[in-house]
Amino acid sequence: MLQKLRSGSSELDMILSDMPQELEKECMLKSYSKGSYLLRKDEEVTHIHLLCQGEVNIINEFADGNVYIMDTKSQVEFFGEIEVLAGQKKNAVSVETRVDCLTLAIPINSFRLWLQESTFLLTHIAQTMALTTFNSSYYRGMGLFYTADHLMRIYIVKSLEYSINKCYPVMIEKRRKEIAAVLGVSVRTVNRAVKALKDETLITIKRGRIFVSHSQYKRMQERIELSS
């Protein structure tokens, strides 16, 4: 079964190769159409999902009807592992698919055994959690000290640090509502900052999406350094 999932992603292949053979027999491949849910907040945790294909939104839904998009994740990610590690029986958040997705559903007891046996799996999960915490810590509170324009420049430069290209503009993957969630500001604030950066020709807008060229990226870096 796992052989079907090997798609050239070195990260996914490494995780699947680390999985004990007896555990493989207890897993299920599950397909989800766009707009459906892998997990729902407050439902009982029965399986850990390994996202093998696709992209999802991490959502926190509140009793007053407000929905907060916390983040967007794509392959390769585990979902439900935090609840298991925390000893909780209910999902802390909802996970909604942005596109058609394929997951490997792992029973929680089997996942616990895998964790006990695998240093690789523990390290992988710890690094993923640490990166999430780092990004949250890096941006949270900046809005108290920086203007929205400056905060947006920092976010764009950090986001494109490893993907900026000298030959063609690169698109910011997250949409404005998701950026607002990461930065801890309102969508209206993000929209104002985007307009300001566009007016300064530091970004280009195409069909509502943010694109950044190599020269624009360098200019933003210089603006950040001057403001430091």
Protein backbone atom coordinates (compact mmCIF):
# COMPACT_ATOMS: atom_id res chain seq x y z
CA MET A 1 0.00 0.00 0.00
CA LEU A 2 2.72 2.47 0.94
CA GLN A 3 4.43 1.96 -2.40
CA LYS A 4 1.52 3.81 -4.03
CA LEU A 5 2.36 6.89 -1.98
CA ARG A 6 5.98 7.15 -3.00
CA SER A 7 5.93 10.13 -5.33
CA GLY A 8 9.51 11.35 -5.23
CA SER A 9 9.05 13.46 -2.11
CA SER A 10 12.14 12.64 -0.08
CA GLU A 11 10.43 13.70 3.16
CA LEU A 12 7.41 11.47 2.59
CA ASP A 13 9.59 8.57 1.47
CA MET A 14 11.71 8.87 4.61
CA ILE A 15 8.65 8.84 6.87
CA LEU A 16 7.09 5.87 5.08
CA SER A 17 10.38 3.96 5.13
CA ASP A 18 10.58 4.44 8.89
CA MET A 19 7.10 2.99 9.48
CA PRO A 20 7.16 -0.58 10.93
CA GLN A 21 5.71 -3.18 8.56
CA GLU A 22 3.18 -4.40 11.12
CA LEU A 23 1.85 -0.84 11.43
CA GLU A 24 1.38 -0.52 7.69
CA LYS A 25 -1.32 -3.21 7.81
CA GLU A 26 -3.39 -1.12 10.23
CA CYS A 27 -3.33 2.09 8.17
CA MET A 28 -5.91 3.24 5.64
CA LEU A 29 -5.58 5.45 2.59
CA LYS A 30 -8.33 8.07 2.64
CA SER A 31 -9.36 10.51 -0.08
CA TYR A 32 -10.98 13.87 0.68
CA SER A 33 -12.59 16.20 -1.83
CA LYS A 34 -12.04 19.95 -1.77
CA GLY A 35 -13.95 21.65 1.06
CA SER A 36 -14.29 18.57 3.27
CA TYR A 37 -12.80 17.99 6.72
CA LEU A 38 -10.01 15.67 7.83
CA LEU A 39 -10.68 16.58 11.45
CA ARG A 40 -13.38 18.56 13.26
CA LYS A 41 -12.77 20.50 16.45
CA ASP A 42 -13.98 18.75 19.64
CA GLU A 43 -14.52 15.41 17.90
CA GLU A 44 -12.78 12.38 19.39
CA VAL A 45 -9.28 11.66 18.13
CA THR A 46 -9.32 8.19 16.61
CA HIS A 47 -6.62 8.43 13.93
CA ILE A 48 -3.55 10.45 13.10
CA HIS A 49 -3.59 11.71 9.51
CA LEU A 50 -0.45 11.97 7.43
CA LEU A 51 -1.16 14.37 4.57
CA CYS A 52 0.44 12.78 1.51
CA GLN A 53 -1.11 14.87 -1.24
CA GLY A 54 -2.91 18.21 -1.22
CA GLU A 55 -3.26 21.32 0.92
CA VAL A 56 -5.41 22.16 3.95
CA ASN A 57 -6.44 25.04 6.22
CA ILE A 58 -6.02 24.76 9.99
CA ILE A 59 -9.16 26.34 11.44
CA ASN A 60 -10.33 27.27 14.92
CA GLU A 61 -14.10 27.61 15.14
CA PHE A 62 -15.72 29.39 18.07
CA ALA A 63 -19.17 29.17 19.64
CA ASP A 64 -20.01 32.74 18.53
CA GLY A 65 -19.67 31.67 14.90
CA ASN A 66 -16.29 33.26 14.23
CA VAL A 67 -13.85 31.16 12.22
CA TYR A 68 -10.11 31.80 12.52
CA ILE A 69 -7.77 30.42 9.86
CA MET A 70 -4.62 29.71 11.81
CA ASP A 71 -2.42 28.39 9.03
CA THR A 72 -2.23 26.58 5.71
CA LYS A 73 -0.34 23.32 5.37
CA SER A 74 0.62 21.13 2.45
CA GLN A 75 2.22 17.72 2.18
CA VAL A 76 3.98 16.32 4.19
CA GLU A 77 2.24 16.98 7.55
CA PHE A 78 0.81 15.00 10.46
CA PHE A 79 -2.53 16.04 11.99
CA GLY A 80 -3.76 14.89 15.38
CA GLU A 81 -0.27 14.18 16.71
CA ILE A 82 -0.31 17.16 19.09
CA GLU A 83 -3.46 15.88 20.78
CA VAL A 84 -1.92 12.43 21.22
CA LEU A 85 1.32 13.85 22.65
CA ALA A 86 -0.69 16.12 24.97
CA GLY A 87 -2.82 13.21 26.18
CA GLN A 88 -6.02 14.82 24.90
CA LYS A 89 -8.98 12.92 23.49
CA LYS A 90 -10.56 15.70 21.41
CA ASN A 91 -9.30 17.57 18.35
CA ALA A 92 -8.11 21.07 19.21
CA VAL A 93 -8.79 22.43 15.71
CA SER A 94 -10.55 21.61 12.47
CA VAL A 95 -8.63 20.73 9.31
CA GLU A 96 -10.38 21.63 6.05
CA THR A 97 -9.14 20.69 2.58
CA ARG A 98 -8.32 23.47 0.10
CA VAL A 99 -7.96 20.98 -2.76
CA ASP A 100 -8.54 17.26 -3.19
CA CYS A 101 -6.35 15.48 -0.65
CA LEU A 102 -4.99 12.03 0.14
CA THR A 103 -4.05 11.00 3.68
CA LEU A 104 -2.75 7.96 5.46
CA ALA A 105 -4.96 7.38 8.52
CA ILE A 106 -3.06 5.76 11.41
CA PRO A 107 -4.89 4.42 14.52
CA ILE A 108 -3.76 6.38 17.58
CA ASN A 109 -2.58 3.33 19.53
CA SER A 110 -0.45 2.23 16.60
CA PHE A 111 0.91 5.76 16.29
CA ARG A 112 1.87 5.75 19.98
CA LEU A 113 3.82 2.51 19.49
CA TRP A 114 5.57 3.95 16.46
CA LEU A 115 6.57 7.00 18.49
CA GLN A 116 8.02 4.80 21.22
CA GLU A 117 10.13 2.86 18.72
CA SER A 118 11.28 5.59 16.33
CA THR A 119 13.78 8.31 17.11
CA PHE A 120 13.36 9.55 13.55
CA LEU A 121 9.61 10.11 13.95
CA LEU A 122 10.03 11.88 17.28
CA THR A 123 12.69 14.15 15.82
CA HIS A 124 10.57 14.92 12.75
CA ILE A 125 7.53 15.87 14.83
CA ALA A 126 9.64 17.89 17.29
CA GLN A 127 11.25 19.87 14.44
CA THR A 128 7.87 20.56 12.82
CA MET A 129 6.39 21.75 16.12
CA ALA A 130 9.48 23.87 16.83
CA LEU A 131 9.26 25.56 13.41
CA THR A 132 5.56 26.35 13.95
CA THR A 133 6.32 27.81 17.38
CA PHE A 134 9.25 29.80 16.00
CA ASN A 135 7.17 31.37 13.24
CA SER A 136 4.40 32.24 15.69
CA SER A 137 6.88 33.76 18.16
CA TYR A 138 8.71 35.62 15.39
CA TYR A 139 5.65 37.52 14.19
CA ARG A 140 3.41 37.78 17.27
CA GLY A 141 3.67 41.15 18.99
CA MET A 142 5.42 42.87 16.09
CA GLY A 143 2.24 44.79 15.40
CA LEU A 144 2.72 46.58 18.72
CA PHE A 145 6.02 48.07 17.59
CA TYR A 146 6.00 48.25 13.78
CA THR A 147 3.73 49.88 11.22
CA ALA A 148 1.60 47.53 9.14
CA ASP A 149 3.70 48.35 6.05
CA HIS A 150 6.93 47.42 7.81
CA LEU A 151 5.39 44.29 9.29
CA MET A 152 4.27 43.22 5.82
CA ARG A 153 7.74 43.80 4.38
CA ILE A 154 9.28 41.63 7.11
CA TYR A 155 6.73 38.90 6.45
CA ILE A 156 7.31 38.89 2.68
CA VAL A 157 11.11 38.86 2.98
CA LYS A 158 11.01 36.04 5.53
CA SER A 159 8.49 34.03 3.48
CA LEU A 160 10.54 34.24 0.28
CA GLU A 161 13.95 33.81 1.88
CA TYR A 162 14.59 30.48 0.15
CA SER A 163 12.35 30.78 -2.91
CA ILE A 164 13.05 34.20 -4.43
CA ASN A 165 14.12 33.86 -8.05
CA LYS A 166 16.31 36.18 -10.14
CA CYS A 167 14.55 35.24 -13.37
CA TYR A 168 10.84 35.65 -12.61
CA PRO A 169 8.50 37.03 -9.89
CA VAL A 170 7.49 34.65 -7.10
CA MET A 171 3.96 34.47 -5.70
CA ILE A 172 3.22 34.65 -1.98
CA GLU A 173 1.38 31.37 -1.33
CA LYS A 174 -0.79 32.52 1.57
CA ARG A 175 -3.87 34.59 0.90
CA ARG A 176 -4.51 37.83 2.78
CA LYS A 177 -6.81 36.29 5.38
CA GLU A 178 -4.13 33.72 6.17
CA ILE A 179 -1.40 36.38 6.33
CA ALA A 180 -3.55 38.36 8.77
CA ALA A 181 -3.86 35.27 10.97
CA VAL A 182 -0.09 34.72 10.97
CA LEU A 183 0.67 38.37 11.78
CA GLY A 184 -2.11 38.72 14.35
CA VAL A 185 -3.72 41.70 12.61
CA SER A 186 -6.99 42.28 10.75
CA VAL A 187 -7.51 41.56 7.05
CA ARG A 188 -8.26 45.28 6.62
CA THR A 189 -4.80 46.09 8.01
CA VAL A 190 -3.18 43.62 5.61
CA ASN A 191 -5.10 45.12 2.69
CA ARG A 192 -3.90 48.62 3.60
CA ALA A 193 -0.31 47.38 3.85
CA VAL A 194 -0.57 45.60 0.50
CA LYS A 195 -1.86 48.78 -1.16
CA ALA A 196 0.98 50.80 0.36
CA LEU A 197 3.62 48.33 -0.84
CA LYS A 198 2.02 48.25 -4.30
CA ASP A 199 2.05 52.06 -4.45
CA GLU A 200 5.78 51.94 -3.59
CA THR A 201 6.24 49.35 -6.40
CA LEU A 202 7.67 46.92 -3.85
CA ILE A 203 5.17 44.25 -4.91
CA THR A 204 3.02 43.46 -7.94
CA ILE A 205 -0.63 42.39 -7.72
CA LYS A 206 -2.03 39.94 -10.28
CA ARG A 207 -5.62 38.73 -9.89
CA GLY A 208 -5.48 39.67 -6.23
CA ARG A 209 -2.34 37.66 -5.51
CA ILE A 210 0.99 39.15 -4.35
CA PHE A 211 4.04 38.69 -6.59
CA VAL A 212 7.59 39.79 -5.80
CA SER A 213 10.49 40.10 -8.23
CA HIS A 214 14.13 39.76 -7.24
CA SER A 215 14.70 43.53 -7.46
CA GLN A 216 11.61 44.25 -5.38
CA TYR A 217 12.78 41.71 -2.80
CA LYS A 218 16.19 43.42 -2.54
CA ARG A 219 14.57 46.84 -2.14
CA MET A 220 12.37 45.50 0.66
CA GLN A 221 15.42 44.08 2.40
CA GLU A 222 17.10 47.48 2.20
CA ARG A 223 13.99 49.22 3.61
CA ILE A 224 13.93 46.79 6.55
CA GLU A 225 17.62 47.34 7.27
CA LEU A 226 17.20 51.14 7.18
CA SER A 227 14.31 50.89 9.65
CA SER A 228 16.18 48.61 12.06
